[in-house]
Amino acid sequence: MRKVLHIDCDCFFAAVEMRENPQLCQVPIAIGGHSERRGVISTCNYPARKFGIHSAMATAVALRQCPDLILLPGNMALYREASQQVMAVIQRYGIAFEQVSVDEAYLELNPEDSAIEVGNLIRAEVEAEVGITVSVGAAPNKFLAKVASDWNKPNGLFAVKPHKVDEFVQQLEVRKIPGIGPKTAERLASKGIVLCSDAQPYSLIELVNLFGRTGASLFKRCRGLDDRTLSTDRVRKSISVEHTFSKDLYLAEEMDQEAETLWTMFLQRTEKANIDSRGLAPFVKVKFNDFSQTTLADQFLEPSLESFRQLLQQARLRHDGDEIQGVRLMGIGGRCPDVSEQQLALF
């Protein structure tokens, strides 16, 4: 029986800022872009979360909900240093290690080791040596460990023991499954699927016919199954962000404005993933109000606000015919060199 830990730093960027300045511990703080630049929140501490503030929220909205919020610009060099210290602690244990972002990692243990003991050792050593806290999930596979690490946050540990897997997933809400977002959860709920137990009577074919690839994954996850091994040599192919608008955009100026918000989000995501955005080949996605969509890429451009604006406008123009279509979604991203170097520009 496998023993897998998922270690997740608690409000990582904010935790490092509070470590550097303990006076920030009891007040609401957030790391993000300025509201005048249509910035978004990257992360916030737990006092801020009491006001409903969360990552990816527009900074202007966060400040309305919490006027006393202390907004910090962030210090990626400091966060990377803290991340390296956390990962060094985790790698003292186990037989396999996989870092998935700047603030989370998986660890596979020897079957003879106690997952709870090792998890608590890691928690104690990170707090003592790095000055921040982590939460740990222990389970027989990566999926369950990931879910479990969120169970006793912050600074907690939760274990899904092998003989408790069936009982645990029976009562697990499908929206807790990684990869199932709010929209997908709504579609599942419309079919009466709220808990994993609600999905179990469906066959694999039925779930795939209803939900495509999500259905195939759901068939396994709702049973607590996950045979993925830890990837020690993961190669990321691309990184991107997107946003669906509450009102369709019709003007080029509106798209240029929204591109600035996406650009801020994109920079924050690449920083968190320890990726240098300058080495990526930019691409964009535009979805219109008739639900058609188009994508556009150019490997000869360097990612920047202006290059993404240029691609977005070209994507809009290639779709517009006699009638201008409203834009309901925009996305921007970059392909990593090992993937993009073989691709030609699309225009």
Protein backbone atom coordinates (compact mmCIF):
# COMPACT_ATOMS: atom_id res chain seq x y z
CA MET A 1 0.00 0.00 0.00
CA ARG A 2 1.43 3.37 -1.04
CA LYS A 3 1.91 6.25 1.40
CA VAL A 4 1.82 9.69 -0.22
CA LEU A 5 2.05 13.10 1.44
CA HIS A 6 0.93 16.40 -0.06
CA ILE A 7 2.61 19.34 1.65
CA ASP A 8 1.05 22.76 1.07
CA CYS A 9 2.38 26.04 2.50
CA ASP A 10 -0.29 28.09 4.28
CA CYS A 11 -1.00 31.41 2.46
CA PHE A 12 2.63 31.24 1.34
CA PHE A 13 3.45 34.75 0.06
CA ALA A 14 1.55 36.35 2.94
CA ALA A 15 3.18 33.99 5.45
CA VAL A 16 6.66 35.03 4.33
CA GLU A 17 5.68 38.71 4.61
CA MET A 18 4.36 38.13 8.15
CA ARG A 19 7.57 36.32 9.06
CA GLU A 20 9.56 39.35 7.91
CA ASN A 21 7.25 41.77 9.73
CA PRO A 22 5.40 40.18 12.69
CA GLN A 23 3.25 43.32 13.08
CA LEU A 24 1.33 42.13 10.00
CA CYS A 25 0.25 38.86 11.61
CA GLN A 26 -3.03 40.07 13.11
CA VAL A 27 -4.10 42.50 10.38
CA PRO A 28 -5.56 41.73 6.94
CA ILE A 29 -2.87 41.75 4.26
CA ALA A 30 -2.77 40.70 0.62
CA ILE A 31 -0.16 40.47 -2.11
CA GLY A 32 -1.33 41.79 -5.46
CA GLY A 33 -1.42 44.52 -8.07
CA HIS A 34 -2.71 48.03 -7.42
CA SER A 35 -6.38 48.73 -8.03
CA GLU A 36 -5.57 51.70 -10.30
CA ARG A 37 -3.89 49.23 -12.66
CA ARG A 38 -6.78 46.80 -12.50
CA GLY A 39 -4.62 44.46 -10.43
CA VAL A 40 -5.68 41.18 -8.84
CA ILE A 41 -4.96 39.50 -5.52
CA SER A 42 -2.32 36.78 -5.60
CA THR A 43 -2.81 35.57 -2.02
CA CYS A 44 -3.87 36.89 1.37
CA ASN A 45 -3.58 35.94 5.02
CA TYR A 46 -6.35 34.43 7.13
CA PRO A 47 -7.51 37.72 8.74
CA ALA A 48 -8.14 38.99 5.20
CA ARG A 49 -10.04 35.83 4.26
CA LYS A 50 -12.57 36.60 6.97
CA PHE A 51 -13.68 39.50 4.74
CA GLY A 52 -14.22 37.13 1.80
CA ILE A 53 -10.98 38.05 0.07
CA HIS A 54 -9.37 35.32 -2.04
CA SER A 55 -6.80 34.81 -4.78
CA ALA A 56 -7.68 36.05 -8.29
CA MET A 57 -10.10 38.62 -6.83
CA ALA A 58 -9.80 42.08 -8.33
CA THR A 59 -7.85 44.34 -5.99
CA ALA A 60 -10.52 47.05 -6.27
CA VAL A 61 -13.17 44.58 -5.06
CA ALA A 62 -10.92 43.40 -2.20
CA LEU A 63 -10.42 46.97 -1.01
CA ARG A 64 -14.16 47.61 -1.08
CA GLN A 65 -14.78 44.54 1.06
CA CYS A 66 -11.94 45.38 3.43
CA PRO A 67 -10.95 49.09 3.35
CA ASP A 68 -8.21 48.44 5.95
CA LEU A 69 -6.56 45.78 3.78
CA ILE A 70 -2.78 46.26 3.60
CA LEU A 71 -1.73 45.66 0.00
CA LEU A 72 1.84 44.52 -0.61
CA PRO A 73 3.55 44.34 -4.02
CA GLY A 74 5.34 41.05 -3.33
CA ASN A 75 8.98 39.99 -3.30
CA MET A 76 9.54 36.96 -5.52
CA ALA A 77 13.25 36.66 -4.68
CA LEU A 78 12.36 36.32 -1.00
CA TYR A 79 9.55 33.84 -1.75
CA ARG A 80 11.83 31.66 -3.90
CA GLU A 81 14.40 31.55 -1.13
CA ALA A 82 11.76 30.45 1.39
CA SER A 83 10.44 27.89 -1.11
CA GLN A 84 13.90 26.36 -1.51
CA GLN A 85 14.20 26.07 2.27
CA VAL A 86 10.80 24.34 2.55
CA MET A 87 11.60 21.90 -0.26
CA ALA A 88 14.96 21.09 1.31
CA VAL A 89 13.19 20.04 4.51
CA ILE A 90 10.69 17.85 2.63
CA GLN A 91 13.42 16.10 0.65
CA ARG A 92 15.04 14.79 3.84
CA TYR A 93 12.35 12.13 3.87
CA GLY A 94 10.75 9.64 1.51
CA ILE A 95 11.71 7.69 -1.59
CA ALA A 96 10.31 10.09 -4.23
CA PHE A 97 9.71 13.85 -4.32
CA GLU A 98 7.73 16.03 -6.73
CA GLN A 99 7.52 19.80 -6.46
CA VAL A 100 4.42 21.06 -8.25
CA SER A 101 4.68 24.79 -7.54
CA VAL A 102 6.61 27.26 -5.44
CA ASP A 103 4.55 26.36 -2.35
CA GLU A 104 3.48 22.72 -2.65
CA ALA A 105 5.02 19.29 -3.19
CA TYR A 106 4.31 15.56 -3.01
CA LEU A 107 6.40 13.04 -1.10
CA GLU A 108 6.18 9.25 -1.34
CA LEU A 109 7.26 7.29 1.72
CA ASN A 110 8.60 3.84 2.33
CA PRO A 111 5.66 1.55 3.21
CA GLU A 112 7.32 0.92 6.58
CA ASP A 113 7.34 4.63 7.51
CA SER A 114 4.54 6.26 9.46
CA ALA A 115 2.90 8.91 7.28
CA ILE A 116 1.56 10.76 10.31
CA GLU A 117 4.93 10.83 12.06
CA VAL A 118 6.79 12.02 8.97
CA GLY A 119 4.10 14.59 8.21
CA ASN A 120 4.33 16.05 11.70
CA LEU A 121 8.14 16.08 11.55
CA ILE A 122 8.01 18.07 8.32
CA ARG A 123 5.50 20.52 9.80
CA ALA A 124 7.63 21.08 12.89
CA GLU A 125 10.92 21.43 11.00
CA VAL A 126 9.52 23.88 8.43
CA GLU A 127 8.09 26.06 11.17
CA ALA A 128 11.34 25.99 13.18
CA GLU A 129 13.74 26.49 10.26
CA VAL A 130 11.77 28.58 7.76
CA GLY A 131 9.40 30.45 10.08
CA ILE A 132 6.18 29.61 8.23
CA THR A 133 3.64 26.79 8.52
CA VAL A 134 2.56 24.03 6.16
CA SER A 135 -0.44 21.73 6.08
CA VAL A 136 -0.05 18.05 5.21
CA GLY A 137 -2.36 15.47 3.70
CA ALA A 138 -1.52 11.77 3.94
CA ALA A 139 -3.23 9.12 1.81
CA PRO A 140 -2.65 6.08 -0.44
CA ASN A 141 -2.42 8.26 -3.60
CA LYS A 142 -1.81 11.78 -4.89
CA PHE A 143 -5.46 12.73 -5.39
CA LEU A 144 -6.52 11.87 -1.85
CA ALA A 145 -3.37 13.40 -0.34
CA LYS A 146 -4.05 16.67 -2.20
CA VAL A 147 -7.63 16.80 -0.91
CA ALA A 148 -6.54 15.86 2.62
CA SER A 149 -3.96 18.65 2.88
CA ASP A 150 -6.80 21.17 2.70
CA TRP A 151 -8.81 19.46 5.46
CA ASN A 152 -7.10 20.89 8.56
CA LYS A 153 -5.68 24.18 7.31
CA PRO A 154 -3.80 26.09 8.50
CA ASN A 155 -0.89 24.27 10.14
CA GLY A 156 -2.65 20.92 10.30
CA LEU A 157 -2.42 17.30 9.19
CA PHE A 158 -5.17 15.00 7.96
CA ALA A 159 -4.73 11.35 7.01
CA VAL A 160 -7.02 9.25 4.83
CA LYS A 161 -6.18 5.73 5.96
CA PRO A 162 -6.55 2.88 3.44
CA HIS A 163 -9.49 1.25 5.23
CA LYS A 164 -11.26 4.64 5.38
CA VAL A 165 -10.95 5.55 1.68
CA ASP A 166 -14.42 4.33 0.67
CA GLU A 167 -16.07 6.11 3.58
CA PHE A 168 -14.10 9.30 2.90
CA VAL A 169 -14.92 9.58 -0.81
CA GLN A 170 -18.58 8.68 -0.30
CA GLN A 171 -19.11 11.98 1.52
CA LEU A 172 -16.61 14.03 -0.51
CA GLU A 173 -18.15 16.84 -2.58
CA VAL A 174 -17.18 16.57 -6.23
CA ARG A 175 -16.21 20.25 -6.23
CA LYS A 176 -13.32 19.28 -3.93
CA ILE A 177 -11.79 17.17 -6.71
CA PRO A 178 -8.82 19.04 -8.26
CA GLY A 179 -9.69 20.17 -11.77
CA ILE A 180 -13.43 20.55 -11.15
CA GLY A 181 -14.17 24.25 -11.12
CA PRO A 182 -17.38 26.13 -10.23
CA LYS A 183 -18.89 25.84 -13.73
CA THR A 184 -18.24 22.11 -13.97
CA ALA A 185 -19.59 21.64 -10.44
CA GLU A 186 -22.80 23.41 -11.55
CA ARG A 187 -23.13 21.07 -14.55
CA LEU A 188 -22.61 18.06 -12.32
CA ALA A 189 -25.15 19.36 -9.80
CA SER A 190 -27.70 19.75 -12.60
CA LYS A 191 -27.42 15.97 -13.04
CA GLY A 192 -27.79 15.40 -9.31
CA ILE A 193 -24.09 14.80 -8.77
CA VAL A 194 -23.00 16.73 -5.67
CA LEU A 195 -21.16 14.06 -3.68
CA CYS A 196 -18.78 11.45 -5.04
CA SER A 197 -21.34 8.82 -4.00
CA ASP A 198 -23.78 10.45 -6.45
CA ALA A 199 -21.38 9.78 -9.34
CA GLN A 200 -20.60 6.16 -8.47
CA PRO A 201 -23.77 4.62 -10.01
CA TYR A 202 -22.81 6.07 -13.43
CA SER A 203 -20.76 3.91 -15.78
CA LEU A 204 -17.56 5.17 -17.36
CA ILE A 205 -19.28 5.48 -20.75
CA GLU A 206 -22.17 7.45 -19.26
CA LEU A 207 -19.84 9.92 -17.50
CA VAL A 208 -17.69 10.38 -20.63
CA ASN A 209 -20.79 10.97 -22.78
CA LEU A 210 -22.03 13.57 -20.30
CA PHE A 211 -18.79 15.35 -19.36
CA GLY A 212 -16.03 14.26 -21.75
CA ARG A 213 -12.54 13.96 -20.26
CA THR A 214 -13.82 15.34 -16.95
CA GLY A 215 -16.20 12.39 -16.81
CA ALA A 216 -13.36 9.91 -17.35
CA SER A 217 -11.40 11.45 -14.48
CA LEU A 218 -14.51 11.63 -12.28
CA PHE A 219 -15.13 7.90 -12.74
CA LYS A 220 -11.81 7.18 -11.00
CA ARG A 221 -11.73 9.99 -8.49
CA CYS A 222 -15.24 9.36 -7.13
CA ARG A 223 -13.94 5.93 -6.15
CA GLY A 224 -10.75 7.31 -4.60
CA LEU A 225 -8.59 5.86 -7.39
CA ASP A 226 -5.40 7.49 -8.68
CA ASP A 227 -2.49 5.47 -10.06
CA ARG A 228 -0.26 8.45 -10.94
CA THR A 229 3.32 8.14 -9.74
CA LEU A 230 5.36 11.10 -8.54
CA SER A 231 6.97 12.84 -11.50
CA THR A 232 10.53 13.83 -10.72
CA ASP A 233 11.18 15.16 -14.24
CA ARG A 234 7.92 16.91 -15.10
CA VAL A 235 8.07 19.06 -18.22
CA ARG A 236 5.56 21.89 -18.36
CA LYS A 237 4.27 22.51 -21.87
CA SER A 238 2.47 25.80 -21.33
CA ILE A 239 1.09 28.21 -18.75
CA SER A 240 -1.93 30.47 -19.17
CA VAL A 241 -4.73 32.49 -17.57
CA GLU A 242 -8.19 33.39 -18.81
CA HIS A 243 -11.29 35.28 -17.74
CA THR A 244 -14.97 35.09 -18.65
CA PHE A 245 -16.68 38.49 -18.61
CA SER A 246 -20.04 39.24 -17.05
CA LYS A 247 -20.79 41.51 -20.03
CA ASP A 248 -19.59 40.92 -23.59
CA LEU A 249 -16.86 43.20 -24.92
CA TYR A 250 -17.38 44.89 -28.28
CA LEU A 251 -14.74 47.62 -28.40
CA ALA A 252 -11.01 47.23 -29.03
CA GLU A 253 -10.38 49.63 -26.14
CA GLU A 254 -12.30 47.34 -23.76
CA MET A 255 -10.18 44.38 -24.81
CA ASP A 256 -6.98 46.38 -24.31
CA GLN A 257 -8.11 47.28 -20.78
CA GLU A 258 -8.92 43.68 -19.86
CA ALA A 259 -5.61 42.53 -21.34
CA GLU A 260 -3.83 44.50 -18.61
CA THR A 261 -5.61 42.52 -15.89
CA LEU A 262 -4.79 39.24 -17.64
CA TRP A 263 -1.15 40.32 -18.00
CA THR A 264 -0.90 40.93 -14.23
CA MET A 265 -2.44 37.51 -13.53
CA PHE A 266 -0.10 35.87 -16.05
CA LEU A 267 2.99 37.39 -14.43
CA GLN A 268 1.86 36.22 -11.00
CA ARG A 269 1.22 32.70 -12.27
CA THR A 270 4.60 32.41 -14.01
CA GLU A 271 6.33 33.76 -10.90
CA LYS A 272 4.59 31.21 -8.69
CA ALA A 273 5.62 28.42 -11.09
CA ASN A 274 9.24 29.70 -11.16
CA ILE A 275 9.05 30.29 -14.93
CA ASP A 276 10.77 33.17 -16.69
CA SER A 277 8.00 34.63 -18.86
CA ARG A 278 10.55 36.11 -21.25
CA GLY A 279 11.41 32.63 -22.55
CA LEU A 280 7.84 31.73 -23.52
CA ALA A 281 6.13 31.88 -26.91
CA PRO A 282 2.89 33.87 -26.48
CA PHE A 283 -0.55 32.67 -27.52
CA VAL A 284 -4.09 33.94 -26.96
CA LYS A 285 -7.61 32.53 -26.93
CA VAL A 286 -10.77 34.51 -27.63
CA LYS A 287 -14.28 33.08 -27.20
CA PHE A 288 -17.22 34.98 -28.68
CA ASN A 289 -20.84 35.34 -27.61
CA ASP A 290 -21.92 32.76 -30.22
CA PHE A 291 -19.59 30.33 -28.33
CA SER A 292 -17.20 30.04 -31.24
CA GLN A 293 -13.56 30.60 -30.38
CA THR A 294 -10.20 31.22 -32.00
CA THR A 295 -6.58 30.91 -30.88
CA LEU A 296 -3.51 32.67 -32.19
CA ALA A 297 0.21 32.29 -31.49
CA ASP A 298 3.50 33.77 -32.60
CA GLN A 299 6.76 32.20 -31.46
CA PHE A 300 8.75 35.20 -32.68
CA LEU A 301 7.16 37.59 -30.19
CA GLU A 302 8.28 37.94 -26.57
CA PRO A 303 5.45 37.93 -24.00
CA SER A 304 4.52 41.48 -23.01
CA LEU A 305 1.37 43.47 -22.46
CA GLU A 306 1.67 44.98 -25.92
CA SER A 307 2.35 41.67 -27.69
CA PHE A 308 -0.68 40.09 -26.06
CA ARG A 309 -2.82 43.10 -26.97
CA GLN A 310 -1.63 42.76 -30.56
CA LEU A 311 -2.49 39.05 -30.72
CA LEU A 312 -5.88 39.54 -29.08
CA GLN A 313 -6.89 42.23 -31.56
CA GLN A 314 -5.74 40.10 -34.48
CA ALA A 315 -7.72 37.15 -33.12
CA ARG A 316 -10.82 39.35 -32.88
CA LEU A 317 -10.41 40.70 -36.40
CA ARG A 318 -9.88 37.28 -37.99
CA HIS A 319 -13.30 36.23 -36.58
CA ASP A 320 -15.39 39.34 -37.27
CA GLY A 321 -17.32 39.23 -40.52
CA ASP A 322 -20.22 41.44 -41.54
CA GLU A 323 -21.38 41.54 -37.93
CA ILE A 324 -19.15 42.26 -34.93
CA GLN A 325 -19.33 39.50 -32.34
CA GLY A 326 -19.11 40.27 -28.64
CA VAL A 327 -16.19 38.75 -26.75
CA ARG A 328 -17.20 36.69 -23.71
CA LEU A 329 -13.79 35.21 -22.77
CA MET A 330 -10.14 36.13 -23.26
CA GLY A 331 -7.09 34.11 -22.35
CA ILE A 332 -3.36 34.64 -22.69
CA GLY A 333 -0.50 32.23 -22.19
CA GLY A 334 2.95 31.09 -23.18
CA ARG A 335 4.35 27.83 -24.52
CA CYS A 336 7.63 26.62 -23.14
CA PRO A 337 10.59 26.52 -25.57
CA ASP A 338 10.81 22.75 -25.92
CA VAL A 339 7.25 22.74 -27.27
CA SER A 340 7.04 26.00 -29.18
CA GLU A 341 10.35 25.78 -31.05
CA GLN A 342 8.77 23.35 -33.51
CA GLN A 343 5.71 25.50 -34.20
CA LEU A 344 5.28 28.07 -36.94
CA ALA A 345 3.52 31.39 -36.50
CA LEU A 346 -0.18 31.09 -37.28
CA PHE A 347 -0.41 34.32 -39.24
